[in-house]
C-alpha atoms as a PDB file:
ATOM      1  CA  MET A   1       0.089  -0.031  -0.004  1.00  0.00           C
ATOM      2  CA  ASP A   2       1.341   3.507  -0.827  1.00  0.00           C
ATOM      3  CA  HIS A   3       0.976   5.425   2.463  1.00  0.00           C
ATOM      4  CA  ASP A   4       1.826   8.628   0.580  1.00  0.00           C
ATOM      5  CA  LEU A   5      -1.742   8.718  -0.640  1.00  0.00           C
ATOM      6  CA  ALA A   6      -4.740   9.299   1.710  1.00  0.00           C
ATOM      7  CA  PRO A   7      -6.810   6.116   2.415  1.00  0.00           C
ATOM      8  CA  THR A   8     -10.107   5.971   0.782  1.00  0.00           C
ATOM      9  CA  GLY A   9     -13.117   3.900   1.873  1.00  0.00           C
ATOM     10  CA  PRO A  10     -15.714   3.878   4.398  1.00  0.00           C
ATOM     11  CA  GLY A  11     -15.344   6.462   7.097  1.00  0.00           C
ATOM     12  CA  TRP A  12     -14.848   4.128   9.934  1.00  0.00           C
ATOM     13  CA  LEU A  13     -12.080   2.319   8.072  1.00  0.00           C
ATOM     14  CA  VAL A  14     -10.405   5.596   7.173  1.00  0.00           C
ATOM     15  CA  ALA A  15     -10.735   6.678  10.773  1.00  0.00           C
ATOM     16  CA  LEU A  16      -9.273   3.607  12.076  1.00  0.00           C
ATOM     17  CA  GLU A  17      -6.407   3.588   9.612  1.00  0.00           C
ATOM     18  CA  THR A  18      -5.450   7.252  10.171  1.00  0.00           C
ATOM     19  CA  SER A  19      -5.791   6.957  14.048  1.00  0.00           C
ATOM     20  CA  GLY A  20      -2.868   7.535  16.385  1.00  0.00           C
ATOM     21  CA  LEU A  21      -2.632   3.783  16.804  1.00  0.00           C
ATOM     22  CA  GLY A  22      -2.546   2.910  13.144  1.00  0.00           C
ATOM     23  CA  GLU A  23      -0.066   5.872  12.538  1.00  0.00           C
ATOM     24  CA  SER A  24       2.080   4.587  15.326  1.00  0.00           C
ATOM     25  CA  LEU A  25       2.170   0.944  14.109  1.00  0.00           C
ATOM     26  CA  ARG A  26       3.161   2.099  10.522  1.00  0.00           C
ATOM     27  CA  GLN A  27       5.832   4.550  11.631  1.00  0.00           C
ATOM     28  CA  SER A  28       7.561   2.779  14.444  1.00  0.00           C
ATOM     29  CA  VAL A  29      10.654   0.818  13.511  1.00  0.00           C
ATOM     30  CA  TRP A  30       9.960  -1.822  16.135  1.00  0.00           C
ATOM     31  CA  LEU A  31       6.318  -1.759  17.133  1.00  0.00           C
ATOM     32  CA  TYR A  32       4.810  -3.231  13.728  1.00  0.00           C
ATOM     33  CA  PRO A  33       7.457  -6.079  13.696  1.00  0.00           C
ATOM     34  CA  LEU A  34       6.785  -6.950  17.263  1.00  0.00           C
ATOM     35  CA  VAL A  35       3.179  -7.188  16.762  1.00  0.00           C
ATOM     36  CA  GLU A  36       3.561  -9.124  13.685  1.00  0.00           C
ATOM     37  CA  ILE A  37       5.864 -11.565  15.231  1.00  0.00           C
ATOM     38  CA  THR A  38       3.473 -12.018  18.347  1.00  0.00           C
ATOM     39  CA  HIS A  39       0.596 -12.463  15.622  1.00  0.00           C
ATOM     40  CA  ILE A  40       2.559 -15.292  13.922  1.00  0.00           C
ATOM     41  CA  LEU A  41       3.531 -16.680  17.301  1.00  0.00           C
ATOM     42  CA  GLY A  42      -0.103 -16.904  18.330  1.00  0.00           C
ATOM     43  CA  PHE A  43      -1.079 -18.511  15.098  1.00  0.00           C
ATOM     44  CA  ALA A  44       1.759 -21.075  15.447  1.00  0.00           C
ATOM     45  CA  LEU A  45       0.625 -21.987  19.065  1.00  0.00           C
ATOM     46  CA  LEU A  46      -3.271 -21.959  17.848  1.00  0.00           C
ATOM     47  CA  VAL A  47      -2.846 -23.948  14.736  1.00  0.00           C
ATOM     48  CA  GLY A  48      -0.005 -26.248  15.921  1.00  0.00           C
ATOM     49  CA  ALA A  49      -2.140 -27.406  18.889  1.00  0.00           C
ATOM     50  CA  ILE A  50      -5.247 -27.771  16.909  1.00  0.00           C
ATOM     51  CA  LEU A  51      -3.519 -29.773  14.146  1.00  0.00           C
ATOM     52  CA  ALA A  52      -2.029 -32.116  16.581  1.00  0.00           C
ATOM     53  CA  PHE A  53      -5.494 -32.702  18.106  1.00  0.00           C
ATOM     54  CA  ASP A  54      -7.144 -32.908  14.636  1.00  0.00           C
ATOM     55  CA  LEU A  55      -4.695 -35.674  13.569  1.00  0.00           C
ATOM     56  CA  ARG A  56      -5.644 -37.541  16.710  1.00  0.00           C
ATOM     57  CA  LEU A  57      -9.368 -37.074  16.176  1.00  0.00           C
ATOM     58  CA  MET A  58      -8.828 -38.544  12.519  1.00  0.00           C
ATOM     59  CA  GLY A  59      -7.325 -41.574  14.230  1.00  0.00           C
ATOM     60  CA  ILE A  60      -3.826 -40.980  13.078  1.00  0.00           C
ATOM     61  CA  ARG A  61      -1.158 -42.447  15.664  1.00  0.00           C
ATOM     62  CA  ALA A  62      -4.356 -42.787  17.859  1.00  0.00           C
ATOM     63  CA  PRO A  63      -3.036 -45.496  20.274  1.00  0.00           C
ATOM     64  CA  LEU A  64      -0.257 -43.221  21.481  1.00  0.00           C
ATOM     65  CA  LEU A  65      -2.426 -40.858  23.740  1.00  0.00           C
ATOM     66  CA  PRO A  66      -5.976 -40.974  24.777  1.00  0.00           C
ATOM     67  CA  ALA A  67      -7.993 -38.157  23.004  1.00  0.00           C
ATOM     68  CA  ASP A  68      -9.200 -36.623  26.315  1.00  0.00           C
ATOM     69  CA  ALA A  69      -5.735 -36.408  27.744  1.00  0.00           C
ATOM     70  CA  LEU A  70      -4.543 -34.855  24.580  1.00  0.00           C
ATOM     71  CA  ALA A  71      -7.228 -32.341  24.735  1.00  0.00           C
ATOM     72  CA  ARG A  72      -6.400 -31.315  28.202  1.00  0.00           C
ATOM     73  CA  LEU A  73      -2.714 -30.914  27.062  1.00  0.00           C
ATOM     74  CA  LEU A  74      -3.533 -28.880  23.926  1.00  0.00           C
ATOM     75  CA  LEU A  75      -6.537 -26.818  24.607  1.00  0.00           C
ATOM     76  CA  PRO A  76      -4.573 -24.258  26.831  1.00  0.00           C
ATOM     77  CA  VAL A  77      -1.989 -23.852  24.182  1.00  0.00           C
ATOM     78  CA  ALA A  78      -4.638 -23.330  21.646  1.00  0.00           C
ATOM     79  CA  VAL A  79      -6.538 -20.803  23.729  1.00  0.00           C
ATOM     80  CA  THR A  80      -3.214 -18.998  24.492  1.00  0.00           C
ATOM     81  CA  GLY A  81      -2.495 -18.741  20.773  1.00  0.00           C
ATOM     82  CA  PHE A  82      -5.912 -17.473  19.978  1.00  0.00           C
ATOM     83  CA  ALA A  83      -5.389 -14.954  22.874  1.00  0.00           C
ATOM     84  CA  LEU A  84      -2.356 -13.636  21.143  1.00  0.00           C
ATOM     85  CA  ALA A  85      -3.518 -13.859  17.548  1.00  0.00           C
ATOM     86  CA  ILE A  86      -6.824 -12.058  17.845  1.00  0.00           C
ATOM     87  CA  PRO A  87      -5.715  -8.757  19.608  1.00  0.00           C
ATOM     88  CA  THR A  88      -2.448  -8.488  17.395  1.00  0.00           C
ATOM     89  CA  GLY A  89      -4.470  -9.120  14.250  1.00  0.00           C
ATOM     90  CA  LEU A  90      -6.751  -6.341  15.145  1.00  0.00           C
ATOM     91  CA  LEU A  91      -3.748  -4.178  15.616  1.00  0.00           C
ATOM     92  CA  LEU A  92      -2.235  -5.128  12.284  1.00  0.00           C
ATOM     93  CA  PHE A  93      -5.600  -4.306  10.667  1.00  0.00           C
ATOM     94  CA  THR A  94      -5.471  -0.477  11.864  1.00  0.00           C
ATOM     95  CA  THR A  95      -2.352  -0.150   9.773  1.00  0.00           C
ATOM     96  CA  GLU A  96      -4.076  -0.863   6.381  1.00  0.00           C
ATOM     97  CA  ALA A  97      -7.891  -1.087   7.382  1.00  0.00           C
ATOM     98  CA  THR A  98      -9.049   0.316   4.050  1.00  0.00           C
ATOM     99  CA  ALA A  99      -6.875  -1.959   1.957  1.00  0.00           C
ATOM    100  CA  LEU A 100      -7.510  -5.066   3.847  1.00  0.00           C
ATOM    101  CA  ALA A 101     -11.349  -4.680   3.937  1.00  0.00           C
ATOM    102  CA  GLY A 102     -11.296  -5.275   0.134  1.00  0.00           C
ATOM    103  CA  ASN A 103      -8.696  -7.825   0.055  1.00  0.00           C
ATOM    104  CA  PRO A 104     -10.175 -11.176  -1.051  1.00  0.00           C
ATOM    105  CA  ALA A 105      -7.558 -13.255   0.843  1.00  0.00           C
ATOM    106  CA  PHE A 106      -8.235 -11.299   4.026  1.00  0.00           C
ATOM    107  CA  LEU A 107     -11.836 -11.866   3.748  1.00  0.00           C
ATOM    108  CA  ALA A 108     -11.583 -15.428   2.923  1.00  0.00           C
ATOM    109  CA  LYS A 109      -9.213 -15.767   6.035  1.00  0.00           C
ATOM    110  CA  LEU A 110     -12.068 -14.095   8.337  1.00  0.00           C
ATOM    111  CA  ALA A 111     -14.660 -16.550   6.903  1.00  0.00           C
ATOM    112  CA  LEU A 112     -12.525 -19.618   7.346  1.00  0.00           C
ATOM    113  CA  ILE A 113     -11.688 -18.482  11.039  1.00  0.00           C
ATOM    114  CA  GLY A 114     -15.495 -18.281  11.563  1.00  0.00           C
ATOM    115  CA  LEU A 115     -15.998 -21.678  10.001  1.00  0.00           C
ATOM    116  CA  ALA A 116     -13.248 -23.127  12.012  1.00  0.00           C
ATOM    117  CA  LEU A 117     -14.796 -21.668  15.198  1.00  0.00           C
ATOM    118  CA  LEU A 118     -18.206 -23.112  14.334  1.00  0.00           C
ATOM    119  CA  ASN A 119     -16.481 -26.593  13.693  1.00  0.00           C
ATOM    120  CA  ILE A 120     -14.889 -26.256  17.210  1.00  0.00           C
ATOM    121  CA  LEU A 121     -18.355 -25.415  18.707  1.00  0.00           C
ATOM    122  CA  ALA A 122     -20.088 -28.249  16.940  1.00  0.00           C
ATOM    123  CA  PHE A 123     -17.398 -30.791  17.898  1.00  0.00           C
ATOM    124  CA  HIS A 124     -17.675 -29.957  21.639  1.00  0.00           C
ATOM    125  CA  ARG A 125     -21.492 -29.895  21.572  1.00  0.00           C
ATOM    126  CA  LEU A 126     -21.473 -33.376  19.788  1.00  0.00           C
ATOM    127  CA  ALA A 127     -18.790 -36.014  19.553  1.00  0.00           C
ATOM    128  CA  GLY A 128     -16.562 -34.088  22.000  1.00  0.00           C
ATOM    129  CA  ARG A 129     -19.059 -34.412  24.774  1.00  0.00           C
ATOM    130  CA  ARG A 130     -18.695 -38.237  24.963  1.00  0.00           C
ATOM    131  CA  MET A 131     -14.871 -37.902  24.467  1.00  0.00           C
ATOM    132  CA  ALA A 132     -14.110 -40.000  27.505  1.00  0.00           C
ATOM    133  CA  ASP A 133     -16.115 -42.997  26.167  1.00  0.00           C
ATOM    134  CA  TRP A 134     -14.110 -43.162  22.895  1.00  0.00           C
ATOM    135  CA  SER A 135     -10.819 -41.472  24.066  1.00  0.00           C
ATOM    136  CA  LEU A 136      -8.859 -44.713  24.139  1.00  0.00           C
ATOM    137  CA  SER A 137     -10.335 -46.058  20.836  1.00  0.00           C
ATOM    138  CA  ASP A 138      -8.081 -46.261  17.917  1.00  0.00           C
ATOM    139  CA  ARG A 139     -10.705 -45.273  15.603  1.00  0.00           C
ATOM    140  CA  PRO A 140     -12.787 -42.280  16.981  1.00  0.00           C
ATOM    141  CA  PRO A 141     -16.549 -42.138  16.035  1.00  0.00           C
ATOM    142  CA  PRO A 142     -17.275 -40.765  12.444  1.00  0.00           C
ATOM    143  CA  GLY A 143     -18.479 -37.274  14.024  1.00  0.00           C
ATOM    144  CA  ALA A 144     -15.000 -36.865  15.566  1.00  0.00           C
ATOM    145  CA  ARG A 145     -13.043 -37.881  12.551  1.00  0.00           C
ATOM    146  CA  PHE A 146     -15.164 -35.586  10.427  1.00  0.00           C
ATOM    147  CA  ALA A 147     -14.581 -32.461  12.886  1.00  0.00           C
ATOM    148  CA  GLY A 148     -10.867 -33.327  12.705  1.00  0.00           C
ATOM    149  CA  ALA A 149     -10.667 -33.408   9.027  1.00  0.00           C
ATOM    150  CA  ALA A 150     -12.684 -30.281   8.615  1.00  0.00           C
ATOM    151  CA  SER A 151     -10.731 -28.510  11.260  1.00  0.00           C
ATOM    152  CA  LEU A 152      -7.468 -29.438   9.565  1.00  0.00           C
ATOM    153  CA  ALA A 153      -8.626 -28.265   6.195  1.00  0.00           C
ATOM    154  CA  LEU A 154     -10.036 -25.000   7.619  1.00  0.00           C
ATOM    155  CA  TRP A 155      -6.866 -23.961   9.527  1.00  0.00           C
ATOM    156  CA  VAL A 156      -4.632 -24.831   6.708  1.00  0.00           C
ATOM    157  CA  GLY A 157      -7.016 -22.529   4.769  1.00  0.00           C
ATOM    158  CA  VAL A 158      -6.633 -19.850   7.246  1.00  0.00           C
ATOM    159  CA  LEU A 159      -2.723 -19.992   7.134  1.00  0.00           C
ATOM    160  CA  ALA A 160      -2.814 -19.970   3.359  1.00  0.00           C
ATOM    161  CA  CYS A 161      -5.137 -17.048   3.204  1.00  0.00           C
ATOM    162  CA  GLY A 162      -3.211 -15.034   5.799  1.00  0.00           C
ATOM    163  CA  ARG A 163      -0.040 -15.593   3.666  1.00  0.00           C
ATOM    164  CA  LEU A 164      -1.909 -14.612   0.502  1.00  0.00           C
ATOM    165  CA  ILE A 165      -3.030 -11.345   1.796  1.00  0.00           C
ATOM    166  CA  ALA A 166       0.381  -9.675   0.794  1.00  0.00           C
ATOM    167  CA  TYR A 167      -0.003 -11.023  -2.784  1.00  0.00           C
ATOM    168  CA  LEU A 168      -3.715  -9.938  -3.714  1.00  0.00           C
END
């Protein structure tokens, strides 16, 4: 984005982008990279923990760990990653709000995050509620395997779209 030109777009996006926060992030030598590194670290924790659990849900290397024990181990890691990724993502958004609001990769990333969160909610309300019953099984129930495969695809899509934002 050419920051010599004034941003154009909906007023709230222009106000966000031209705010002191957006200006500070764009002009600081260290602040933007620090926020970006923290955002990437958050996503690495989030997606890394989720992908490890997704593979267990799909039955890959299933006998090594009970699913419920793995969930207790990885859920706090994923939540920590999410807690880092969301606020840092919002901070990064302030630097180019008008451009990002029209970026198809950014919009796809947001949509995939929404679908991934719905998948998590559906898993915990359905197959995940009875995880203790099938936790030691080599082959989790079909609902758990589907949730794991859907989650894997959705989060890989989120990562890909996040990377593509710079190119579209």
